[in-house]
PDB file of N, CA and C in Angstrom:
ATOM      1  N   MET A   1      13.889 -49.754  13.687  1.00  0.00           N
ATOM      2  CA  MET A   1      13.669 -49.486  12.287  1.00  0.00           C
ATOM      3  C   MET A   1      15.027 -49.357  11.592  1.00  0.00           C
ATOM      4  N   ILE A   2      15.079 -49.799  10.330  1.00  0.00           N
ATOM      5  CA  ILE A   2      16.275 -49.674   9.510  1.00  0.00           C
ATOM      6  C   ILE A   2      15.868 -49.116   8.146  1.00  0.00           C
ATOM      7  N   ALA A   3      16.864 -48.657   7.383  1.00  0.00           N
ATOM      8  CA  ALA A   3      16.631 -48.243   5.998  1.00  0.00           C
ATOM      9  C   ALA A   3      17.492 -49.112   5.099  1.00  0.00           C
ATOM     10  N   VAL A   4      16.951 -49.484   3.955  1.00  0.00           N
ATOM     11  CA  VAL A   4      17.666 -50.332   3.007  1.00  0.00           C
ATOM     12  C   VAL A   4      17.676 -49.650   1.648  1.00  0.00           C
ATOM     13  N   ILE A   5      18.881 -49.549   1.068  1.00  0.00           N
ATOM     14  CA  ILE A   5      19.047 -48.961  -0.260  1.00  0.00           C
ATOM     15  C   ILE A   5      19.625 -50.041  -1.158  1.00  0.00           C
ATOM     16  N   GLY A   6      19.026 -50.251  -2.302  1.00  0.00           N
ATOM     17  CA  GLY A   6      19.513 -51.272  -3.215  1.00  0.00           C
ATOM     18  C   GLY A   6      19.848 -50.727  -4.586  1.00  0.00           C
ATOM     19  N   ASP A   7      20.670 -51.465  -5.304  1.00  0.00           N
ATOM     20  CA  ASP A   7      20.994 -51.183  -6.699  1.00  0.00           C
ATOM     21  C   ASP A   7      21.436 -49.745  -6.947  1.00  0.00           C
ATOM     22  N   ILE A   8      22.476 -49.336  -6.272  1.00  0.00           N
ATOM     23  CA  ILE A   8      23.004 -47.978  -6.412  1.00  0.00           C
ATOM     24  C   ILE A   8      23.679 -47.795  -7.774  1.00  0.00           C
ATOM     25  N   HIS A   9      24.373 -48.802  -8.230  1.00  0.00           N
ATOM     26  CA  HIS A   9      24.985 -48.822  -9.570  1.00  0.00           C
ATOM     27  C   HIS A   9      25.752 -47.552  -9.933  1.00  0.00           C
ATOM     28  N   GLY A  10      26.620 -47.112  -9.050  1.00  0.00           N
ATOM     29  CA  GLY A  10      27.482 -45.984  -9.376  1.00  0.00           C
ATOM     30  C   GLY A  10      26.809 -44.628  -9.415  1.00  0.00           C
ATOM     31  N   CYS A  11      25.594 -44.520  -8.932  1.00  0.00           N
ATOM     32  CA  CYS A  11      24.858 -43.250  -8.945  1.00  0.00           C
ATOM     33  C   CYS A  11      25.094 -42.518  -7.617  1.00  0.00           C
ATOM     34  N   PHE A  12      26.248 -41.914  -7.503  1.00  0.00           N
ATOM     35  CA  PHE A  12      26.670 -41.279  -6.259  1.00  0.00           C
ATOM     36  C   PHE A  12      25.754 -40.140  -5.835  1.00  0.00           C
ATOM     37  N   ASN A  13      25.407 -39.255  -6.744  1.00  0.00           N
ATOM     38  CA  ASN A  13      24.584 -38.096  -6.377  1.00  0.00           C
ATOM     39  C   ASN A  13      23.221 -38.519  -5.844  1.00  0.00           C
ATOM     40  N   THR A  14      22.640 -39.525  -6.459  1.00  0.00           N
ATOM     41  CA  THR A  14      21.358 -40.046  -5.987  1.00  0.00           C
ATOM     42  C   THR A  14      21.509 -40.681  -4.610  1.00  0.00           C
ATOM     43  N   LEU A  15      22.576 -41.454  -4.424  1.00  0.00           N
ATOM     44  CA  LEU A  15      22.849 -42.072  -3.120  1.00  0.00           C
ATOM     45  C   LEU A  15      22.996 -41.011  -2.037  1.00  0.00           C
ATOM     46  N   LYS A  16      23.800 -39.997  -2.313  1.00  0.00           N
ATOM     47  CA  LYS A  16      24.037 -38.950  -1.329  1.00  0.00           C
ATOM     48  C   LYS A  16      22.738 -38.237  -0.947  1.00  0.00           C
ATOM     49  N   LYS A  17      21.928 -37.912  -1.942  1.00  0.00           N
ATOM     50  CA  LYS A  17      20.646 -37.241  -1.681  1.00  0.00           C
ATOM     51  C   LYS A  17      19.719 -38.131  -0.851  1.00  0.00           C
ATOM     52  N   LEU A  18      19.625 -39.400  -1.217  1.00  0.00           N
ATOM     53  CA  LEU A  18      18.775 -40.333  -0.475  1.00  0.00           C
ATOM     54  C   LEU A  18      19.259 -40.496   0.956  1.00  0.00           C
ATOM     55  N   TYR A  19      20.566 -40.625   1.129  1.00  0.00           N
ATOM     56  CA  TYR A  19      21.151 -40.746   2.462  1.00  0.00           C
ATOM     57  C   TYR A  19      20.781 -39.526   3.316  1.00  0.00           C
ATOM     58  N   GLU A  20      20.947 -38.348   2.761  1.00  0.00           N
ATOM     59  CA  GLU A  20      20.634 -37.118   3.502  1.00  0.00           C
ATOM     60  C   GLU A  20      19.156 -37.036   3.859  1.00  0.00           C
ATOM     61  N   GLU A  21      18.288 -37.455   2.949  1.00  0.00           N
ATOM     62  CA  GLU A  21      16.849 -37.454   3.237  1.00  0.00           C
ATOM     63  C   GLU A  21      16.519 -38.420   4.372  1.00  0.00           C
ATOM     64  N   ILE A  22      17.112 -39.597   4.340  1.00  0.00           N
ATOM     65  CA  ILE A  22      16.867 -40.585   5.398  1.00  0.00           C
ATOM     66  C   ILE A  22      17.364 -40.046   6.736  1.00  0.00           C
ATOM     67  N   LYS A  23      18.586 -39.531   6.768  1.00  0.00           N
ATOM     68  CA  LYS A  23      19.176 -39.053   8.023  1.00  0.00           C
ATOM     69  C   LYS A  23      18.474 -37.810   8.561  1.00  0.00           C
ATOM     70  N   THR A  24      17.930 -36.982   7.677  1.00  0.00           N
ATOM     71  CA  THR A  24      17.172 -35.813   8.129  1.00  0.00           C
ATOM     72  C   THR A  24      15.894 -36.251   8.838  1.00  0.00           C
ATOM     73  N   ARG A  25      15.249 -37.220   8.269  1.00  0.00           N
ATOM     74  CA  ARG A  25      13.977 -37.685   8.829  1.00  0.00           C
ATOM     75  C   ARG A  25      14.161 -38.624  10.017  1.00  0.00           C
ATOM     76  N   TYR A  26      15.190 -39.477   9.928  1.00  0.00           N
ATOM     77  CA  TYR A  26      15.459 -40.473  10.973  1.00  0.00           C
ATOM     78  C   TYR A  26      16.949 -40.446  11.322  1.00  0.00           C
ATOM     79  N   PRO A  27      17.389 -39.495  12.117  1.00  0.00           N
ATOM     80  CA  PRO A  27      18.821 -39.293  12.359  1.00  0.00           C
ATOM     81  C   PRO A  27      19.574 -40.492  12.946  1.00  0.00           C
ATOM     82  N   ASP A  28      18.918 -41.329  13.699  1.00  0.00           N
ATOM     83  CA  ASP A  28      19.601 -42.439  14.367  1.00  0.00           C
ATOM     84  C   ASP A  28      19.424 -43.782  13.662  1.00  0.00           C
ATOM     85  N   ILE A  29      18.836 -43.767  12.504  1.00  0.00           N
ATOM     86  CA  ILE A  29      18.535 -45.019  11.812  1.00  0.00           C
ATOM     87  C   ILE A  29      19.810 -45.658  11.253  1.00  0.00           C
ATOM     88  N   ARG A  30      19.841 -46.969  11.240  1.00  0.00           N
ATOM     89  CA  ARG A  30      20.945 -47.727  10.636  1.00  0.00           C
ATOM     90  C   ARG A  30      20.585 -47.950   9.172  1.00  0.00           C
ATOM     91  N   ILE A  31      21.553 -47.712   8.266  1.00  0.00           N
ATOM     92  CA  ILE A  31      21.302 -47.850   6.836  1.00  0.00           C
ATOM     93  C   ILE A  31      22.105 -49.026   6.293  1.00  0.00           C
ATOM     94  N   TYR A  32      21.450 -49.817   5.440  1.00  0.00           N
ATOM     95  CA  TYR A  32      22.061 -50.961   4.792  1.00  0.00           C
ATOM     96  C   TYR A  32      21.930 -50.799   3.273  1.00  0.00           C
ATOM     97  N   SER A  33      22.849 -51.406   2.548  1.00  0.00           N
ATOM     98  CA  SER A  33      22.753 -51.458   1.095  1.00  0.00           C
ATOM     99  C   SER A  33      22.740 -52.920   0.668  1.00  0.00           C
ATOM    100  N   VAL A  34      21.855 -53.237  -0.239  1.00  0.00           N
ATOM    101  CA  VAL A  34      21.741 -54.613  -0.699  1.00  0.00           C
ATOM    102  C   VAL A  34      22.194 -54.732  -2.152  1.00  0.00           C
ATOM    103  N   GLY A  35      23.461 -54.673  -2.327  1.00  0.00           N
ATOM    104  CA  GLY A  35      24.091 -55.043  -3.578  1.00  0.00           C
ATOM    105  C   GLY A  35      24.099 -54.056  -4.709  1.00  0.00           C
ATOM    106  N   ASP A  36      25.027 -54.335  -5.602  1.00  0.00           N
ATOM    107  CA  ASP A  36      25.249 -53.583  -6.822  1.00  0.00           C
ATOM    108  C   ASP A  36      25.586 -52.115  -6.570  1.00  0.00           C
ATOM    109  N   LEU A  37      26.698 -51.931  -5.882  1.00  0.00           N
ATOM    110  CA  LEU A  37      27.220 -50.583  -5.664  1.00  0.00           C
ATOM    111  C   LEU A  37      27.831 -50.027  -6.944  1.00  0.00           C
ATOM    112  N   VAL A  38      28.392 -50.897  -7.774  1.00  0.00           N
ATOM    113  CA  VAL A  38      29.181 -50.477  -8.936  1.00  0.00           C
ATOM    114  C   VAL A  38      28.447 -50.718 -10.257  1.00  0.00           C
ATOM    115  N   ASP A  39      29.061 -50.160 -11.322  1.00  0.00           N
ATOM    116  CA  ASP A  39      28.634 -50.327 -12.718  1.00  0.00           C
ATOM    117  C   ASP A  39      27.446 -49.409 -13.071  1.00  0.00           C
ATOM    118  N   ARG A  40      27.277 -49.271 -14.366  1.00  0.00           N
ATOM    119  CA  ARG A  40      26.219 -48.461 -14.971  1.00  0.00           C
ATOM    120  C   ARG A  40      26.474 -46.955 -14.803  1.00  0.00           C
ATOM    121  N   GLY A  41      26.357 -46.408 -13.578  1.00  0.00           N
ATOM    122  CA  GLY A  41      26.612 -44.986 -13.339  1.00  0.00           C
ATOM    123  C   GLY A  41      28.098 -44.675 -13.372  1.00  0.00           C
ATOM    124  N   LYS A  42      28.422 -43.403 -13.417  1.00  0.00           N
ATOM    125  CA  LYS A  42      29.813 -42.952 -13.596  1.00  0.00           C
ATOM    126  C   LYS A  42      30.634 -42.896 -12.317  1.00  0.00           C
ATOM    127  N   TYR A  43      30.032 -43.080 -11.165  1.00  0.00           N
ATOM    128  CA  TYR A  43      30.719 -42.767  -9.910  1.00  0.00           C
ATOM    129  C   TYR A  43      30.846 -43.953  -8.948  1.00  0.00           C
ATOM    130  N   SER A  44      31.248 -45.091  -9.450  1.00  0.00           N
ATOM    131  CA  SER A  44      31.401 -46.270  -8.587  1.00  0.00           C
ATOM    132  C   SER A  44      32.420 -46.017  -7.482  1.00  0.00           C
ATOM    133  N   TYR A  45      33.540 -45.399  -7.824  1.00  0.00           N
ATOM    134  CA  TYR A  45      34.562 -45.084  -6.815  1.00  0.00           C
ATOM    135  C   TYR A  45      33.956 -44.244  -5.692  1.00  0.00           C
ATOM    136  N   GLU A  46      33.261 -43.182  -6.045  1.00  0.00           N
ATOM    137  CA  GLU A  46      32.673 -42.294  -5.043  1.00  0.00           C
ATOM    138  C   GLU A  46      31.615 -43.000  -4.203  1.00  0.00           C
ATOM    139  N   VAL A  47      30.845 -43.881  -4.833  1.00  0.00           N
ATOM    140  CA  VAL A  47      29.830 -44.647  -4.092  1.00  0.00           C
ATOM    141  C   VAL A  47      30.503 -45.488  -3.010  1.00  0.00           C
ATOM    142  N   ILE A  48      31.545 -46.207  -3.370  1.00  0.00           N
ATOM    143  CA  ILE A  48      32.204 -47.073  -2.386  1.00  0.00           C
ATOM    144  C   ILE A  48      32.874 -46.248  -1.292  1.00  0.00           C
ATOM    145  N   GLU A  49      33.492 -45.145  -1.656  1.00  0.00           N
ATOM    146  CA  GLU A  49      34.076 -44.253  -0.648  1.00  0.00           C
ATOM    147  C   GLU A  49      33.006 -43.787   0.339  1.00  0.00           C
ATOM    148  N   PHE A  50      31.852 -43.400  -0.175  1.00  0.00           N
ATOM    149  CA  PHE A  50      30.749 -42.908   0.652  1.00  0.00           C
ATOM    150  C   PHE A  50      30.222 -44.015   1.568  1.00  0.00           C
ATOM    151  N   ILE A  51      30.046 -45.201   1.013  1.00  0.00           N
ATOM    152  CA  ILE A  51      29.563 -46.351   1.795  1.00  0.00           C
ATOM    153  C   ILE A  51      30.515 -46.617   2.964  1.00  0.00           C
ATOM    154  N   MET A  52      31.810 -46.567   2.677  1.00  0.00           N
ATOM    155  CA  MET A  52      32.808 -46.806   3.723  1.00  0.00           C
ATOM    156  C   MET A  52      32.816 -45.662   4.742  1.00  0.00           C
ATOM    157  N   GLU A  53      32.800 -44.440   4.259  1.00  0.00           N
ATOM    158  CA  GLU A  53      32.851 -43.265   5.139  1.00  0.00           C
ATOM    159  C   GLU A  53      31.661 -43.214   6.090  1.00  0.00           C
ATOM    160  N   LYS A  54      30.481 -43.516   5.577  1.00  0.00           N
ATOM    161  CA  LYS A  54      29.250 -43.440   6.383  1.00  0.00           C
ATOM    162  C   LYS A  54      28.968 -44.744   7.125  1.00  0.00           C
ATOM    163  N   GLU A  55      29.861 -45.728   6.960  1.00  0.00           N
ATOM    164  CA  GLU A  55      29.709 -47.027   7.624  1.00  0.00           C
ATOM    165  C   GLU A  55      28.356 -47.679   7.331  1.00  0.00           C
ATOM    166  N   ILE A  56      27.975 -47.620   6.071  1.00  0.00           N
ATOM    167  CA  ILE A  56      26.748 -48.272   5.624  1.00  0.00           C
ATOM    168  C   ILE A  56      27.078 -49.750   5.416  1.00  0.00           C
ATOM    169  N   ALA A  57      26.358 -50.607   6.113  1.00  0.00           N
ATOM    170  CA  ALA A  57      26.572 -52.049   5.959  1.00  0.00           C
ATOM    171  C   ALA A  57      26.005 -52.477   4.610  1.00  0.00           C
ATOM    172  N   PHE A  58      26.654 -53.438   3.965  1.00  0.00           N
ATOM    173  CA  PHE A  58      26.132 -53.858   2.672  1.00  0.00           C
ATOM    174  C   PHE A  58      26.363 -55.339   2.424  1.00  0.00           C
ATOM    175  N   VAL A  59      25.553 -55.847   1.539  1.00  0.00           N
ATOM    176  CA  VAL A  59      25.678 -57.211   1.038  1.00  0.00           C
ATOM    177  C   VAL A  59      26.045 -57.068  -0.435  1.00  0.00           C
ATOM    178  N   SER A  60      27.078 -57.765  -0.865  1.00  0.00           N
ATOM    179  CA  SER A  60      27.515 -57.665  -2.250  1.00  0.00           C
ATOM    180  C   SER A  60      26.465 -58.210  -3.207  1.00  0.00           C
ATOM    181  N   GLY A  61      26.300 -57.488  -4.312  1.00  0.00           N
ATOM    182  CA  GLY A  61      25.432 -57.957  -5.386  1.00  0.00           C
ATOM    183  C   GLY A  61      26.267 -58.595  -6.483  1.00  0.00           C
ATOM    184  N   ASN A  62      25.621 -59.042  -7.535  1.00  0.00           N
ATOM    185  CA  ASN A  62      26.351 -59.713  -8.601  1.00  0.00           C
ATOM    186  C   ASN A  62      27.365 -58.789  -9.279  1.00  0.00           C
ATOM    187  N   HIS A  63      27.066 -57.516  -9.446  1.00  0.00           N
ATOM    188  CA  HIS A  63      28.020 -56.598 -10.055  1.00  0.00           C
ATOM    189  C   HIS A  63      29.229 -56.379  -9.151  1.00  0.00           C
ATOM    190  N   ASP A  64      29.010 -56.313  -7.859  1.00  0.00           N
ATOM    191  CA  ASP A  64      30.116 -56.162  -6.909  1.00  0.00           C
ATOM    192  C   ASP A  64      31.009 -57.404  -6.937  1.00  0.00           C
ATOM    193  N   LEU A  65      30.395 -58.566  -7.012  1.00  0.00           N
ATOM    194  CA  LEU A  65      31.162 -59.811  -7.063  1.00  0.00           C
ATOM    195  C   LEU A  65      31.941 -59.935  -8.376  1.00  0.00           C
ATOM    196  N   MET A  66      31.332 -59.511  -9.490  1.00  0.00           N
ATOM    197  CA  MET A  66      32.055 -59.554 -10.759  1.00  0.00           C
ATOM    198  C   MET A  66      33.277 -58.637 -10.703  1.00  0.00           C
ATOM    199  N   PHE A  67      33.115 -57.459 -10.134  1.00  0.00           N
ATOM    200  CA  PHE A  67      34.223 -56.513  -9.954  1.00  0.00           C
ATOM    201  C   PHE A  67      35.321 -57.168  -9.120  1.00  0.00           C
ATOM    202  N   TYR A  68      34.951 -57.747  -8.000  1.00  0.00           N
ATOM    203  CA  TYR A  68      35.900 -58.401  -7.107  1.00  0.00           C
ATOM    204  C   TYR A  68      36.679 -59.502  -7.834  1.00  0.00           C
ATOM    205  N   TYR A  69      35.955 -60.392  -8.495  1.00  0.00           N
ATOM    206  CA  TYR A  69      36.617 -61.510  -9.169  1.00  0.00           C
ATOM    207  C   TYR A  69      37.460 -61.050 -10.353  1.00  0.00           C
ATOM    208  N   PHE A  70      37.010 -60.053 -11.088  1.00  0.00           N
ATOM    209  CA  PHE A  70      37.783 -59.549 -12.221  1.00  0.00           C
ATOM    210  C   PHE A  70      39.152 -59.047 -11.773  1.00  0.00           C
ATOM    211  N   ILE A  71      39.192 -58.386 -10.620  1.00  0.00           N
ATOM    212  CA  ILE A  71      40.450 -57.839 -10.109  1.00  0.00           C
ATOM    213  C   ILE A  71      41.292 -58.918  -9.425  1.00  0.00           C
ATOM    214  N   THR A  72      40.678 -59.774  -8.633  1.00  0.00           N
ATOM    215  CA  THR A  72      41.446 -60.730  -7.833  1.00  0.00           C
ATOM    216  C   THR A  72      41.695 -62.071  -8.522  1.00  0.00           C
ATOM    217  N   LYS A  73      40.760 -62.491  -9.363  1.00  0.00           N
ATOM    218  CA  LYS A  73      40.877 -63.785 -10.058  1.00  0.00           C
ATOM    219  C   LYS A  73      40.330 -63.626 -11.478  1.00  0.00           C
ATOM    220  N   PRO A  74      41.059 -62.919 -12.340  1.00  0.00           N
ATOM    221  CA  PRO A  74      40.523 -62.554 -13.656  1.00  0.00           C
ATOM    222  C   PRO A  74      40.122 -63.724 -14.550  1.00  0.00           C
ATOM    223  N   ASN A  75      40.633 -64.905 -14.297  1.00  0.00           N
ATOM    224  CA  ASN A  75      40.248 -66.065 -15.116  1.00  0.00           C
ATOM    225  C   ASN A  75      39.014 -66.788 -14.601  1.00  0.00           C
ATOM    226  N   HIS A  76      38.520 -66.352 -13.458  1.00  0.00           N
ATOM    227  CA  HIS A  76      37.314 -66.957 -12.893  1.00  0.00           C
ATOM    228  C   HIS A  76      36.114 -66.565 -13.775  1.00  0.00           C
ATOM    229  N   PRO A  77      35.170 -67.481 -14.002  1.00  0.00           N
ATOM    230  CA  PRO A  77      34.009 -67.167 -14.853  1.00  0.00           C
ATOM    231  C   PRO A  77      33.220 -65.933 -14.406  1.00  0.00           C
ATOM    232  N   ILE A  78      33.123 -65.711 -13.110  1.00  0.00           N
ATOM    233  CA  ILE A  78      32.396 -64.522 -12.629  1.00  0.00           C
ATOM    234  C   ILE A  78      33.153 -63.255 -13.015  1.00  0.00           C
ATOM    235  N   GLY A  79      34.474 -63.284 -12.895  1.00  0.00           N
ATOM    236  CA  GLY A  79      35.283 -62.143 -13.298  1.00  0.00           C
ATOM    237  C   GLY A  79      35.204 -61.877 -14.786  1.00  0.00           C
ATOM    238  N   LYS A  80      35.253 -62.928 -15.580  1.00  0.00           N
ATOM    239  CA  LYS A  80      35.160 -62.780 -17.031  1.00  0.00           C
ATOM    240  C   LYS A  80      33.807 -62.205 -17.453  1.00  0.00           C
ATOM    241  N   ALA A  81      32.764 -62.554 -16.751  1.00  0.00           N
ATOM    242  CA  ALA A  81      31.417 -62.075 -17.093  1.00  0.00           C
ATOM    243  C   ALA A  81      31.290 -60.562 -16.954  1.00  0.00           C
ATOM    244  N   TRP A  82      32.133 -59.967 -16.134  1.00  0.00           N
ATOM    245  CA  TRP A  82      32.051 -58.521 -15.888  1.00  0.00           C
ATOM    246  C   TRP A  82      32.300 -57.702 -17.153  1.00  0.00           C
ATOM    247  N   ILE A  83      33.074 -58.252 -18.070  1.00  0.00           N
ATOM    248  CA  ILE A  83      33.375 -57.559 -19.323  1.00  0.00           C
ATOM    249  C   ILE A  83      32.093 -57.239 -20.083  1.00  0.00           C
ATOM    250  N   TYR A  84      31.069 -58.052 -19.920  1.00  0.00           N
ATOM    251  CA  TYR A  84      29.801 -57.876 -20.631  1.00  0.00           C
ATOM    252  C   TYR A  84      28.710 -57.259 -19.756  1.00  0.00           C
ATOM    253  N   ASN A  85      29.075 -56.799 -18.562  1.00  0.00           N
ATOM    254  CA  ASN A  85      28.058 -56.339 -17.615  1.00  0.00           C
ATOM    255  C   ASN A  85      28.353 -54.991 -16.969  1.00  0.00           C
ATOM    256  N   GLY A  86      28.934 -54.076 -17.695  1.00  0.00           N
ATOM    257  CA  GLY A  86      29.068 -52.719 -17.182  1.00  0.00           C
ATOM    258  C   GLY A  86      30.386 -52.334 -16.572  1.00  0.00           C
ATOM    259  N   CYS A  87      31.440 -53.083 -16.853  1.00  0.00           N
ATOM    260  CA  CYS A  87      32.729 -52.789 -16.224  1.00  0.00           C
ATOM    261  C   CYS A  87      33.328 -51.448 -16.649  1.00  0.00           C
ATOM    262  N   GLU A  88      32.970 -50.960 -17.820  1.00  0.00           N
ATOM    263  CA  GLU A  88      33.614 -49.761 -18.361  1.00  0.00           C
ATOM    264  C   GLU A  88      33.485 -48.553 -17.446  1.00  0.00           C
ATOM    265  N   THR A  89      32.301 -48.292 -16.956  1.00  0.00           N
ATOM    266  CA  THR A  89      32.106 -47.099 -16.119  1.00  0.00           C
ATOM    267  C   THR A  89      32.813 -47.242 -14.775  1.00  0.00           C
ATOM    268  N   THR A  90      32.820 -48.452 -14.241  1.00  0.00           N
ATOM    269  CA  THR A  90      33.515 -48.669 -12.974  1.00  0.00           C
ATOM    270  C   THR A  90      35.013 -48.489 -13.147  1.00  0.00           C
ATOM    271  N   LEU A  91      35.577 -49.101 -14.156  1.00  0.00           N
ATOM    272  CA  LEU A  91      37.012 -48.960 -14.395  1.00  0.00           C
ATOM    273  C   LEU A  91      37.384 -47.505 -14.678  1.00  0.00           C
ATOM    274  N   ALA A  92      36.547 -46.797 -15.399  1.00  0.00           N
ATOM    275  CA  ALA A  92      36.811 -45.380 -15.677  1.00  0.00           C
ATOM    276  C   ALA A  92      36.815 -44.558 -14.388  1.00  0.00           C
ATOM    277  N   SER A  93      35.957 -44.910 -13.438  1.00  0.00           N
ATOM    278  CA  SER A  93      35.903 -44.146 -12.181  1.00  0.00           C
ATOM    279  C   SER A  93      37.162 -44.346 -11.334  1.00  0.00           C
ATOM    280  N   TYR A  94      37.893 -45.422 -11.598  1.00  0.00           N
ATOM    281  CA  TYR A  94      39.131 -45.713 -10.877  1.00  0.00           C
ATOM    282  C   TYR A  94      40.374 -45.338 -11.670  1.00  0.00           C
ATOM    283  N   GLU A  95      40.213 -44.796 -12.850  1.00  0.00           N
ATOM    284  CA  GLU A  95      41.355 -44.569 -13.734  1.00  0.00           C
ATOM    285  C   GLU A  95      42.497 -43.807 -13.074  1.00  0.00           C
ATOM    286  N   SER A  96      42.203 -42.751 -12.365  1.00  0.00           N
ATOM    287  CA  SER A  96      43.268 -41.990 -11.695  1.00  0.00           C
ATOM    288  C   SER A  96      43.429 -42.390 -10.229  1.00  0.00           C
ATOM    289  N   ARG A  97      42.765 -43.480  -9.826  1.00  0.00           N
ATOM    290  CA  ARG A  97      42.808 -43.924  -8.423  1.00  0.00           C
ATOM    291  C   ARG A  97      43.031 -45.422  -8.318  1.00  0.00           C
ATOM    292  N   ARG A  98      43.804 -45.972  -9.202  1.00  0.00           N
ATOM    293  CA  ARG A  98      44.005 -47.429  -9.220  1.00  0.00           C
ATOM    294  C   ARG A  98      44.531 -47.968  -7.902  1.00  0.00           C
ATOM    295  N   ASP A  99      45.244 -47.137  -7.168  1.00  0.00           N
ATOM    296  CA  ASP A  99      45.783 -47.553  -5.877  1.00  0.00           C
ATOM    297  C   ASP A  99      44.687 -47.819  -4.843  1.00  0.00           C
ATOM    298  N   LYS A 100      43.479 -47.345  -5.078  1.00  0.00           N
ATOM    299  CA  LYS A 100      42.380 -47.517  -4.133  1.00  0.00           C
ATOM    300  C   LYS A 100      41.532 -48.779  -4.403  1.00  0.00           C
ATOM    301  N   ILE A 101      41.735 -49.411  -5.544  1.00  0.00           N
ATOM    302  CA  ILE A 101      40.898 -50.572  -5.893  1.00  0.00           C
ATOM    303  C   ILE A 101      40.977 -51.653  -4.815  1.00  0.00           C
ATOM    304  N   ARG A 102      42.155 -52.022  -4.414  1.00  0.00           N
ATOM    305  CA  ARG A 102      42.302 -53.101  -3.409  1.00  0.00           C
ATOM    306  C   ARG A 102      41.610 -52.738  -2.100  1.00  0.00           C
ATOM    307  N   ASP A 103      41.707 -51.479  -1.684  1.00  0.00           N
ATOM    308  CA  ASP A 103      41.029 -51.044  -0.459  1.00  0.00           C
ATOM    309  C   ASP A 103      39.515 -51.195  -0.602  1.00  0.00           C
ATOM    310  N   HIS A 104      39.004 -50.937  -1.776  1.00  0.00           N
ATOM    311  CA  HIS A 104      37.563 -50.985  -2.010  1.00  0.00           C
ATOM    312  C   HIS A 104      37.037 -52.402  -2.190  1.00  0.00           C
ATOM    313  N   LEU A 105      37.912 -53.307  -2.561  1.00  0.00           N
ATOM    314  CA  LEU A 105      37.450 -54.684  -2.714  1.00  0.00           C
ATOM    315  C   LEU A 105      37.089 -55.279  -1.357  1.00  0.00           C
TER     316      LEU A 105
END
């Protein structure tokens, strides 16, 4: 059995609570995330830190890819699209942690 969490969108507190509920009920279960870790919610940085810390496997969603392209290839159409799709909250979550962006990509 596995657990799958999707569309976290920067909602760290919700992710943490859900993770704890899953692990309490099924301590040995493997957890996966299916895309959109960032944007919308205020805590994209914390979400990615948590995903990495807990070794949650994930598949990038369109918001994650827009974030990636915006930072690594800003002239790419996918990167440019991020400006209209929730980049503000993600960038704000990294404001005092810009040195961590590359690690999170």
